[in-house]
Amino acid sequence: MKVECVKEKIRNAVMLAEKMTGKNLSLPVLGSILFLAKGKVLKVRATNLDIGIEIEVPSKVDKEGVVAIPGGVLNNLLSTVDDKSVFFEFQNDNIVIKTKNSRALIKSLPHDDFPTLPSISQKRESIEISAEKLVLGLRSVWYSAATSEIKPEIASIYMYGENGEIFFVATDSFRLAEKKIDFIPAKTISPIIIPLKNAPDIIRVFDTISGDVRVSFNNSQISFETSGLYLTSRVVDGIFPDYKQIIPNDFKTEAVVLKQDIVNALKSTAMFKDKFNQISILIDPQNKKLEIHSKNPDIGENVIRVDAALSGDTLNLNFNHKYIFDCFQSIGRDSVSLQFNGEARPMIIRGVGDTSFTYLVMPLNQ
């Protein structure tokens, strides 16, 4: 193999691919990045068997070939290269990497054991969605998924489509986030469950891409494909909870506040929260009070009053500070609505005038 590449293009491809290499003692080649040089393209491939990626880098290919290179070493080396072009040449089971002012030799790995990426030949469904909308949907909810894989169906992001909208949903049983994205053409999309641990990689890859992404899936795999890039992930074989039945249709108490005001208040109370991350929220419409209270026996306590438009019954509930704070990254409006339906019932948070994002968080026991 003998190839010349533009440094920025090969560097970006290797940087994305290296994140998807794996540590597998029985298959050490998974820790490498596979280079496949053919025609006018260098394909950069990586997988950990759970998620995989292949990126096409336009290149000058003087000699075709295949080589597996340790991902971390290659990524670190390319991050130090300043020249515009990088030359790769396979010599005596090693890969020689040359620039105008440098030369490095990296020992290669046997590439015969490197797995091929799954191709969804028997597609259950296929849609096209803009990369921007795909990233927005995943980023709006992924932090609400369970981090433990004891229940893999909730350590995931649930995706489906109906009535001209694509829904992205995540829950860990204590909170739930739902993001609706307008989708044209309007069609029903069967449910698919994407593992949480693969979501950050999907977001990272498509966050810098413009244009549409073709999403195809069957019962075991989902793929994301755009010009020169193919990413595939396994899907979870399970049933996501019927979450809509726990979202209240009405409420008895509501507080409307400026998003920045409540974010600032939560930042201040964070310094005094206890080991359970517990804070108290008092809503007293009669006395026009919204207060957030935190107390730590080893530090002290803090009470902050937040300006708000209040209505309904008086309530005083305890919540996990982090669970509330996380959701504001997904709300683009300047004002937010906090809605309650009584003691021991969940709080619903939405942007005022925006029904595309709904966040539900359960109170802590008193």
Protein backbone atom coordinates (compact mmCIF):
# COMPACT_ATOMS: atom_id res chain seq x y z
CA MET A 1 0.00 0.00 0.00
CA LYS A 2 1.21 3.49 -0.89
CA VAL A 3 -1.09 6.47 -0.37
CA GLU A 4 -0.97 10.26 -0.12
CA CYS A 5 -3.71 12.08 1.84
CA VAL A 6 -4.59 15.63 2.80
CA LYS A 7 -3.63 15.87 6.46
CA GLU A 8 -6.84 17.51 7.69
CA LYS A 9 -9.08 14.94 6.02
CA ILE A 10 -7.19 11.87 7.22
CA ARG A 11 -6.72 13.39 10.67
CA ASN A 12 -10.47 14.01 11.08
CA ALA A 13 -11.33 10.52 9.83
CA VAL A 14 -8.86 8.82 12.18
CA MET A 15 -10.00 10.96 15.12
CA LEU A 16 -13.62 9.83 14.65
CA ALA A 17 -12.70 6.21 14.00
CA GLU A 18 -10.35 5.90 16.98
CA LYS A 19 -13.26 6.57 19.35
CA MET A 20 -14.90 3.38 18.11
CA THR A 21 -11.98 1.02 18.49
CA GLY A 22 -12.33 -1.60 21.18
CA LYS A 23 -10.31 -3.33 23.87
CA ASN A 24 -10.82 -7.04 23.32
CA LEU A 25 -8.19 -9.43 24.66
CA SER A 26 -9.40 -12.28 22.47
CA LEU A 27 -9.45 -10.08 19.34
CA PRO A 28 -6.72 -7.41 19.75
CA VAL A 29 -7.13 -6.25 16.14
CA LEU A 30 -10.28 -4.38 17.30
CA GLY A 31 -7.95 -1.84 18.91
CA SER A 32 -6.71 -0.90 15.47
CA ILE A 33 -7.94 1.17 12.55
CA LEU A 34 -8.16 -0.55 9.19
CA PHE A 35 -6.90 1.26 6.09
CA LEU A 36 -8.24 0.02 2.75
CA ALA A 37 -6.68 1.79 -0.24
CA LYS A 38 -8.40 1.24 -3.56
CA GLY A 39 -9.06 3.37 -6.62
CA LYS A 40 -8.98 7.01 -5.56
CA VAL A 41 -10.13 6.44 -1.99
CA LEU A 42 -8.63 5.43 1.35
CA LYS A 43 -11.30 3.83 3.52
CA VAL A 44 -10.81 4.25 7.26
CA ARG A 45 -12.67 1.62 9.28
CA ALA A 46 -13.03 0.91 13.01
CA THR A 47 -15.38 -1.15 15.17
CA ASN A 48 -15.73 -2.55 18.68
CA LEU A 49 -18.44 -4.99 17.47
CA ASP A 50 -21.09 -2.82 19.12
CA ILE A 51 -20.69 0.18 16.83
CA GLY A 52 -18.62 0.64 13.71
CA ILE A 53 -17.69 3.31 11.19
CA GLU A 54 -16.21 3.55 7.72
CA ILE A 55 -15.09 6.89 6.28
CA GLU A 56 -13.92 7.46 2.72
CA VAL A 57 -11.00 9.85 2.37
CA PRO A 58 -10.19 11.05 -1.19
CA SER A 59 -6.55 10.14 -1.73
CA LYS A 60 -3.81 9.60 -4.28
CA VAL A 61 -3.40 5.83 -4.28
CA ASP A 62 -0.14 4.73 -5.93
CA LYS A 63 -0.45 1.17 -4.66
CA GLU A 64 -3.59 -0.49 -3.34
CA GLY A 65 -3.58 -2.49 -0.14
CA VAL A 66 -4.96 -3.19 3.33
CA VAL A 67 -3.32 -2.60 6.71
CA ALA A 68 -4.41 -2.51 10.37
CA ILE A 69 -2.75 0.18 12.50
CA PRO A 70 -3.05 0.66 16.30
CA GLY A 71 -5.73 3.36 16.63
CA GLY A 72 -4.41 5.29 19.61
CA VAL A 73 -0.85 5.49 18.28
CA LEU A 74 -2.00 6.63 14.84
CA ASN A 75 -4.39 9.24 16.23
CA ASN A 76 -1.77 10.70 18.56
CA LEU A 77 0.82 10.83 15.79
CA LEU A 78 -1.45 12.61 13.31
CA SER A 79 -2.41 15.19 15.94
CA THR A 80 1.21 16.41 15.89
CA VAL A 81 1.53 16.70 12.11
CA ASP A 82 1.62 20.25 10.71
CA ASP A 83 2.23 19.54 7.02
CA LYS A 84 -0.58 19.67 4.47
CA SER A 85 0.01 16.14 3.14
CA VAL A 86 0.70 12.78 4.77
CA PHE A 87 2.20 9.74 3.01
CA PHE A 88 1.49 6.15 4.09
CA GLU A 89 3.49 3.19 2.81
CA PHE A 90 3.36 -0.44 3.91
CA GLN A 91 6.85 -1.93 4.30
CA ASN A 92 7.82 -5.27 5.87
CA ASP A 93 4.73 -5.58 8.09
CA ASN A 94 5.07 -1.96 9.19
CA ILE A 95 3.37 1.24 8.11
CA VAL A 96 5.71 4.13 7.35
CA ILE A 97 4.15 7.58 7.79
CA LYS A 98 6.01 10.45 6.17
CA THR A 99 5.53 14.18 5.92
CA LYS A 100 7.81 16.89 4.56
CA ASN A 101 9.74 17.08 7.84
CA SER A 102 9.12 13.76 9.60
CA ARG A 103 9.12 10.00 9.26
CA ALA A 104 7.56 7.48 11.62
CA LEU A 105 7.23 3.70 11.57
CA ILE A 106 4.36 1.91 13.30
CA LYS A 107 4.11 -1.85 13.60
CA SER A 108 0.95 -3.11 11.92
CA LEU A 109 -1.38 -5.90 13.04
CA PRO A 110 -2.64 -8.87 10.98
CA HIS A 111 -5.72 -7.50 9.22
CA ASP A 112 -7.27 -10.83 8.26
CA ASP A 113 -9.14 -11.02 11.57
CA PHE A 114 -10.61 -7.51 11.26
CA PRO A 115 -14.41 -7.88 11.02
CA THR A 116 -16.48 -6.42 8.21
CA LEU A 117 -19.13 -3.90 9.16
CA PRO A 118 -22.69 -5.23 9.11
CA SER A 119 -24.61 -4.26 5.99
CA ILE A 120 -28.36 -3.98 6.38
CA SER A 121 -29.28 -5.87 3.23
CA GLN A 122 -32.72 -6.83 4.49
CA LYS A 123 -33.96 -3.44 5.66
CA ARG A 124 -37.07 -3.31 7.75
CA GLU A 125 -37.35 0.41 7.12
CA SER A 126 -35.34 3.30 5.73
CA ILE A 127 -35.80 7.07 6.09
CA GLU A 128 -33.88 10.24 5.36
CA ILE A 129 -33.46 12.90 8.03
CA SER A 130 -31.18 15.92 8.21
CA ALA A 131 -28.03 15.42 10.27
CA GLU A 132 -28.99 18.50 12.29
CA LYS A 133 -32.36 17.03 13.31
CA LEU A 134 -30.84 13.64 14.10
CA VAL A 135 -28.26 15.19 16.41
CA LEU A 136 -30.85 17.49 18.01
CA GLY A 137 -33.13 14.57 18.80
CA LEU A 138 -30.42 12.41 20.35
CA ARG A 139 -28.73 15.26 22.23
CA SER A 140 -32.03 16.46 23.72
CA VAL A 141 -32.71 13.20 25.59
CA TRP A 142 -29.66 10.95 25.93
CA TYR A 143 -28.67 12.18 29.41
CA SER A 144 -31.96 10.84 30.80
CA ALA A 145 -31.26 7.21 29.92
CA ALA A 146 -30.20 4.68 32.54
CA THR A 147 -26.45 4.21 32.80
CA SER A 148 -26.67 0.65 34.14
CA GLU A 149 -27.23 -2.07 31.55
CA ILE A 150 -29.16 -4.30 33.94
CA LYS A 151 -32.24 -3.21 32.00
CA PRO A 152 -30.84 -2.61 28.49
CA GLU A 153 -34.18 -1.40 27.15
CA ILE A 154 -33.92 1.77 29.28
CA ALA A 155 -30.13 2.10 28.98
CA SER A 156 -31.00 3.36 25.53
CA ILE A 157 -32.74 5.91 23.34
CA TYR A 158 -36.14 5.02 21.96
CA MET A 159 -36.92 6.32 18.48
CA TYR A 160 -40.14 6.09 16.50
CA GLY A 161 -42.30 8.17 14.17
CA GLU A 162 -45.97 9.01 13.84
CA ASN A 163 -48.22 11.86 12.68
CA GLY A 164 -45.42 13.62 10.83
CA GLU A 165 -43.03 13.67 13.80
CA ILE A 166 -40.04 11.62 14.92
CA PHE A 167 -39.87 11.00 18.66
CA PHE A 168 -36.67 10.54 20.67
CA VAL A 169 -37.25 9.31 24.24
CA ALA A 170 -35.02 8.29 27.15
CA THR A 171 -35.74 7.38 30.77
CA ASP A 172 -33.99 5.88 33.79
CA SER A 173 -37.28 5.34 35.70
CA PHE A 174 -36.72 8.49 37.80
CA ARG A 175 -36.95 11.00 34.95
CA LEU A 176 -37.94 11.01 31.31
CA ALA A 177 -37.14 13.23 28.32
CA GLU A 178 -39.11 13.30 25.07
CA LYS A 179 -38.13 15.34 21.99
CA LYS A 180 -40.38 15.64 18.94
CA ILE A 181 -38.89 16.57 15.57
CA ASP A 182 -40.99 17.59 12.55
CA PHE A 183 -40.54 15.08 9.76
CA ILE A 184 -41.51 15.35 6.12
CA PRO A 185 -42.80 13.24 4.48
CA ALA A 186 -45.19 12.31 7.25
CA LYS A 187 -45.01 8.57 7.82
CA THR A 188 -45.13 6.02 10.59
CA ILE A 189 -41.71 4.74 11.66
CA SER A 190 -41.52 1.51 13.63
CA PRO A 191 -39.89 1.74 17.07
CA ILE A 192 -36.15 1.21 17.35
CA ILE A 193 -34.02 1.15 20.52
CA ILE A 194 -30.45 2.50 20.25
CA PRO A 195 -27.98 1.64 23.07
CA LEU A 196 -27.07 4.66 25.17
CA LYS A 197 -23.34 3.95 25.04
CA ASN A 198 -23.38 4.39 21.25
CA ALA A 199 -25.31 7.69 21.28
CA PRO A 200 -22.32 9.99 22.05
CA ASP A 201 -20.42 8.55 19.07
CA ILE A 202 -23.38 9.02 16.74
CA ILE A 203 -23.77 12.62 17.94
CA ARG A 204 -20.04 13.30 17.59
CA VAL A 205 -19.90 11.99 14.02
CA PHE A 206 -22.95 13.78 12.63
CA ASP A 207 -22.61 17.01 14.60
CA THR A 208 -20.20 18.39 12.00
CA ILE A 209 -22.08 17.12 8.94
CA SER A 210 -24.64 19.01 6.88
CA GLY A 211 -27.24 17.49 4.61
CA ASP A 212 -29.41 14.42 4.92
CA VAL A 213 -28.58 11.10 6.55
CA ARG A 214 -30.15 7.85 5.37
CA VAL A 215 -31.19 5.82 8.42
CA SER A 216 -31.90 2.14 7.81
CA PHE A 217 -32.65 -0.55 10.33
CA ASN A 218 -33.82 -4.09 10.92
CA ASN A 219 -34.29 -6.16 14.07
CA SER A 220 -30.60 -6.26 14.98
CA GLN A 221 -28.83 -3.26 13.40
CA ILE A 222 -29.29 0.40 12.55
CA SER A 223 -27.12 2.24 10.04
CA PHE A 224 -26.53 5.92 9.30
CA GLU A 225 -25.21 6.73 5.85
CA THR A 226 -24.23 9.92 4.08
CA SER A 227 -21.75 10.81 1.37
CA GLY A 228 -18.47 9.05 2.14
CA LEU A 229 -19.51 7.90 5.60
CA TYR A 230 -21.20 4.77 6.95
CA LEU A 231 -21.92 4.15 10.65
CA THR A 232 -23.67 1.12 12.08
CA SER A 233 -24.81 0.22 15.59
CA ARG A 234 -26.51 -2.73 17.13
CA VAL A 235 -30.01 -2.18 18.48
CA VAL A 236 -31.58 -3.42 21.69
CA ASP A 237 -33.93 -6.38 21.47
CA GLY A 238 -36.53 -5.39 24.03
CA ILE A 239 -39.67 -3.42 24.76
CA PHE A 240 -39.42 0.21 25.83
CA PRO A 241 -41.82 1.20 28.67
CA ASP A 242 -45.21 2.62 27.69
CA TYR A 243 -44.14 6.04 28.86
CA LYS A 244 -47.07 8.12 27.60
CA GLN A 245 -49.38 6.82 30.30
CA ILE A 246 -47.30 8.51 33.04
CA ILE A 247 -47.30 11.99 31.47
CA PRO A 248 -50.17 13.97 33.07
CA ASN A 249 -52.72 15.65 30.80
CA ASP A 250 -53.47 18.45 33.27
CA PHE A 251 -51.95 20.07 36.34
CA LYS A 252 -52.98 21.73 39.60
CA THR A 253 -49.98 24.02 40.16
CA GLU A 254 -47.80 25.92 37.70
CA ALA A 255 -44.78 28.19 37.91
CA VAL A 256 -43.52 30.15 34.89
CA VAL A 257 -39.96 31.43 35.29
CA LEU A 258 -37.12 32.78 33.20
CA LYS A 259 -34.86 29.87 32.30
CA GLN A 260 -31.69 31.71 33.21
CA ASP A 261 -33.09 32.67 36.63
CA ILE A 262 -33.80 29.10 37.64
CA VAL A 263 -30.53 27.85 36.16
CA ASN A 264 -28.62 30.42 38.23
CA ALA A 265 -30.59 29.46 41.34
CA LEU A 266 -29.83 25.78 40.82
CA LYS A 267 -26.12 26.53 40.36
CA SER A 268 -26.11 28.37 43.68
CA THR A 269 -28.01 25.68 45.59
CA ALA A 270 -25.70 22.99 44.18
CA MET A 271 -23.01 24.05 46.63
CA PHE A 272 -25.24 23.12 49.59
CA LYS A 273 -26.99 19.95 48.35
CA ASP A 274 -26.61 16.82 50.48
CA LYS A 275 -25.08 13.47 49.50
CA PHE A 276 -28.36 12.48 47.84
CA ASN A 277 -28.32 15.63 45.62
CA GLN A 278 -31.58 16.61 47.33
CA ILE A 279 -33.13 20.06 47.08
CA SER A 280 -36.59 21.32 48.03
CA ILE A 281 -38.87 23.43 45.86
CA LEU A 282 -41.59 25.46 47.57
CA ILE A 283 -44.36 26.91 45.42
CA ASP A 284 -46.76 29.18 47.30
CA PRO A 285 -49.03 31.04 44.85
CA GLN A 286 -50.99 32.75 47.62
CA ASN A 287 -47.86 34.47 48.96
CA LYS A 288 -46.26 34.72 45.51
CA LYS A 289 -43.23 32.66 46.51
CA LEU A 290 -41.07 30.20 44.58
CA GLU A 291 -38.14 29.12 46.72
CA ILE A 292 -35.39 26.56 46.20
CA HIS A 293 -33.84 25.25 49.41
CA SER A 294 -30.75 23.09 49.84
CA LYS A 295 -29.16 21.89 53.05
CA ASN A 296 -25.98 19.99 53.86
CA PRO A 297 -25.27 19.16 57.52
CA ASP A 298 -21.53 19.48 56.92
CA ILE A 299 -21.63 22.79 55.03
CA GLY A 300 -24.79 24.74 55.77
CA GLU A 301 -27.95 25.68 53.93
CA ASN A 302 -29.15 28.01 51.23
CA VAL A 303 -32.54 29.43 50.24
CA ILE A 304 -33.07 31.29 46.97
CA ARG A 305 -36.25 33.02 45.90
CA VAL A 306 -36.93 33.05 42.16
CA ASP A 307 -39.27 35.54 40.47
CA ALA A 308 -42.14 33.61 38.90
CA ALA A 309 -45.76 33.74 37.78
CA LEU A 310 -47.53 31.24 40.06
CA SER A 311 -50.95 29.62 40.05
CA GLY A 312 -52.74 26.75 41.74
CA ASP A 313 -52.16 24.88 45.00
CA THR A 314 -49.26 25.29 47.43
CA LEU A 315 -46.63 22.54 47.21
CA ASN A 316 -43.29 21.70 48.81
CA LEU A 317 -41.48 18.82 47.09
CA ASN A 318 -37.98 17.33 47.15
CA PHE A 319 -36.09 16.56 43.94
CA ASN A 320 -32.72 15.36 42.78
CA HIS A 321 -30.83 18.54 41.84
CA LYS A 322 -29.00 16.98 38.89
CA TYR A 323 -32.19 15.56 37.39
CA ILE A 324 -33.71 19.04 37.21
CA PHE A 325 -30.58 20.88 36.11
CA ASP A 326 -29.80 18.52 33.20
CA CYS A 327 -32.92 19.29 31.20
CA PHE A 328 -32.35 23.00 30.58
CA GLN A 329 -29.74 22.25 27.91
CA SER A 330 -32.62 20.91 25.80
CA ILE A 331 -34.91 23.94 26.16
CA GLY A 332 -34.37 26.78 23.70
CA ARG A 333 -37.00 29.17 25.06
CA ASP A 334 -36.24 32.01 27.45
CA SER A 335 -39.08 31.04 29.80
CA VAL A 336 -39.95 27.63 31.20
CA SER A 337 -43.05 26.18 32.79
CA LEU A 338 -42.91 23.93 35.87
CA GLN A 339 -46.16 22.00 36.22
CA PHE A 340 -47.30 19.87 39.17
CA ASN A 341 -50.26 17.63 39.84
CA GLY A 342 -50.04 17.27 43.61
CA GLU A 343 -47.86 15.60 46.23
CA ALA A 344 -45.82 12.54 45.18
CA ARG A 345 -46.61 13.28 41.53
CA PRO A 346 -44.00 14.10 38.86
CA MET A 347 -43.01 17.59 37.81
CA ILE A 348 -43.29 18.44 34.10
CA ILE A 349 -40.86 20.98 32.61
CA ARG A 350 -41.40 22.54 29.18
CA GLY A 351 -40.34 25.65 27.34
CA VAL A 352 -43.17 28.19 27.32
CA GLY A 353 -44.97 27.94 23.99
CA ASP A 354 -42.90 24.92 22.91
CA THR A 355 -44.47 21.48 22.91
CA SER A 356 -41.56 19.76 21.14
CA PHE A 357 -39.73 18.93 24.38
CA THR A 358 -41.24 17.41 27.53
CA TYR A 359 -39.30 16.54 30.65
CA LEU A 360 -40.69 14.59 33.58
CA VAL A 361 -38.93 14.13 36.91
CA MET A 362 -40.19 12.21 39.95
CA PRO A 363 -39.97 13.78 43.43
CA LEU A 364 -37.88 12.19 46.17
CA ASN A 365 -39.48 10.73 49.24
CA GLN A 366 -39.96 13.28 51.99
